[in-house]
Amino acid sequence: MRSQGAMARLLAVGGPLVRFDLPVMVAVVLLLAPVFWSGRRIWRVEGGGLAVACLVYLGAVLVMRI
């Protein structure tokens, strides 16, 4: 019996993911890049801003999904 090996298929991506979630993910990566370049230290204001941004994103996702 011969092994099939790993098989890959394309994954269908929905419109809301491409229009909302993907740009948000790219923005978060760009916002976090300086944090990782500056010795991986987050100041209190930066941490608060990230926490608020996380809550805003969560609220937006919940409103869009309901």
C-alpha atoms as a PDB file:
ATOM      1  CA  MET A   1       0.000   0.000   0.000  1.00  0.00           C
ATOM      2  CA  ARG A   2       1.434   3.328  -1.054  1.00  0.00           C
ATOM      3  CA  SER A   3       1.177   6.405   1.138  1.00  0.00           C
ATOM      4  CA  GLN A   4      -0.739   9.382  -0.258  1.00  0.00           C
ATOM      5  CA  GLY A   5       1.396  11.926   1.605  1.00  0.00           C
ATOM      6  CA  ALA A   6       0.104  15.334   2.568  1.00  0.00           C
ATOM      7  CA  MET A   7      -2.760  16.643   0.534  1.00  0.00           C
ATOM      8  CA  ALA A   8      -3.639  20.313   0.348  1.00  0.00           C
ATOM      9  CA  ARG A   9      -6.847  21.914  -0.813  1.00  0.00           C
ATOM     10  CA  LEU A  10      -7.762  25.531  -1.262  1.00  0.00           C
ATOM     11  CA  LEU A  11      -9.816  26.950   1.547  1.00  0.00           C
ATOM     12  CA  ALA A  12     -12.847  29.037   0.669  1.00  0.00           C
ATOM     13  CA  VAL A  13     -12.689  32.436   2.376  1.00  0.00           C
ATOM     14  CA  GLY A  14     -15.880  34.380   3.006  1.00  0.00           C
ATOM     15  CA  GLY A  15     -16.415  37.997   2.023  1.00  0.00           C
ATOM     16  CA  PRO A  16     -16.612  39.414   5.572  1.00  0.00           C
ATOM     17  CA  LEU A  17     -13.233  37.915   6.400  1.00  0.00           C
ATOM     18  CA  VAL A  18     -11.591  39.586   3.428  1.00  0.00           C
ATOM     19  CA  ARG A  19     -13.365  42.936   3.865  1.00  0.00           C
ATOM     20  CA  PHE A  20     -13.079  43.373   7.647  1.00  0.00           C
ATOM     21  CA  ASP A  21     -10.939  40.854   9.514  1.00  0.00           C
ATOM     22  CA  LEU A  22      -7.976  40.726   7.150  1.00  0.00           C
ATOM     23  CA  PRO A  23      -7.374  44.515   7.086  1.00  0.00           C
ATOM     24  CA  VAL A  24      -7.698  44.584  10.885  1.00  0.00           C
ATOM     25  CA  MET A  25      -5.099  41.822  11.199  1.00  0.00           C
ATOM     26  CA  VAL A  26      -2.688  43.674   8.924  1.00  0.00           C
ATOM     27  CA  ALA A  27      -3.190  46.895  10.930  1.00  0.00           C
ATOM     28  CA  VAL A  28      -2.509  45.081  14.210  1.00  0.00           C
ATOM     29  CA  VAL A  29       0.701  43.600  12.837  1.00  0.00           C
ATOM     30  CA  LEU A  30       1.840  47.052  11.728  1.00  0.00           C
ATOM     31  CA  LEU A  31       0.960  48.535  15.132  1.00  0.00           C
ATOM     32  CA  LEU A  32       2.773  45.783  17.027  1.00  0.00           C
ATOM     33  CA  ALA A  33       5.950  45.837  14.926  1.00  0.00           C
ATOM     34  CA  PRO A  34       7.486  48.807  16.822  1.00  0.00           C
ATOM     35  CA  VAL A  35       6.738  47.079  20.138  1.00  0.00           C
ATOM     36  CA  PHE A  36       8.820  44.074  19.109  1.00  0.00           C
ATOM     37  CA  TRP A  37      11.612  46.260  17.744  1.00  0.00           C
ATOM     38  CA  SER A  38      11.840  48.304  20.954  1.00  0.00           C
ATOM     39  CA  GLY A  39      12.900  45.485  23.220  1.00  0.00           C
ATOM     40  CA  ARG A  40       9.464  43.918  23.607  1.00  0.00           C
ATOM     41  CA  ARG A  41       8.383  46.365  26.295  1.00  0.00           C
ATOM     42  CA  ILE A  42       4.897  47.782  26.287  1.00  0.00           C
ATOM     43  CA  TRP A  43       4.267  51.007  28.155  1.00  0.00           C
ATOM     44  CA  ARG A  44       1.100  51.378  30.197  1.00  0.00           C
ATOM     45  CA  VAL A  45      -0.485  53.736  27.654  1.00  0.00           C
ATOM     46  CA  GLU A  46       0.338  51.383  24.779  1.00  0.00           C
ATOM     47  CA  GLY A  47      -1.085  48.421  26.694  1.00  0.00           C
ATOM     48  CA  GLY A  48      -4.238  50.358  27.478  1.00  0.00           C
ATOM     49  CA  GLY A  49      -4.589  51.341  23.839  1.00  0.00           C
ATOM     50  CA  LEU A  50      -4.166  47.740  22.728  1.00  0.00           C
ATOM     51  CA  ALA A  51      -6.743  46.569  25.277  1.00  0.00           C
ATOM     52  CA  VAL A  52      -9.227  49.203  24.094  1.00  0.00           C
ATOM     53  CA  ALA A  53      -8.544  48.271  20.459  1.00  0.00           C
ATOM     54  CA  CYS A  54      -9.173  44.611  21.304  1.00  0.00           C
ATOM     55  CA  LEU A  55     -12.490  45.457  22.950  1.00  0.00           C
ATOM     56  CA  VAL A  56     -13.540  47.644  20.018  1.00  0.00           C
ATOM     57  CA  TYR A  57     -12.682  44.853  17.578  1.00  0.00           C
ATOM     58  CA  LEU A  58     -14.588  42.310  19.667  1.00  0.00           C
ATOM     59  CA  GLY A  59     -17.599  44.611  19.807  1.00  0.00           C
ATOM     60  CA  ALA A  60     -17.494  45.203  16.062  1.00  0.00           C
ATOM     61  CA  VAL A  61     -17.283  41.480  15.344  1.00  0.00           C
ATOM     62  CA  LEU A  62     -20.195  40.739  17.673  1.00  0.00           C
ATOM     63  CA  VAL A  63     -22.328  43.477  16.115  1.00  0.00           C
ATOM     64  CA  MET A  64     -21.533  42.317  12.581  1.00  0.00           C
ATOM     65  CA  ARG A  65     -22.227  38.641  13.365  1.00  0.00           C
ATOM     66  CA  ILE A  66     -25.560  39.163  15.162  1.00  0.00           C
END
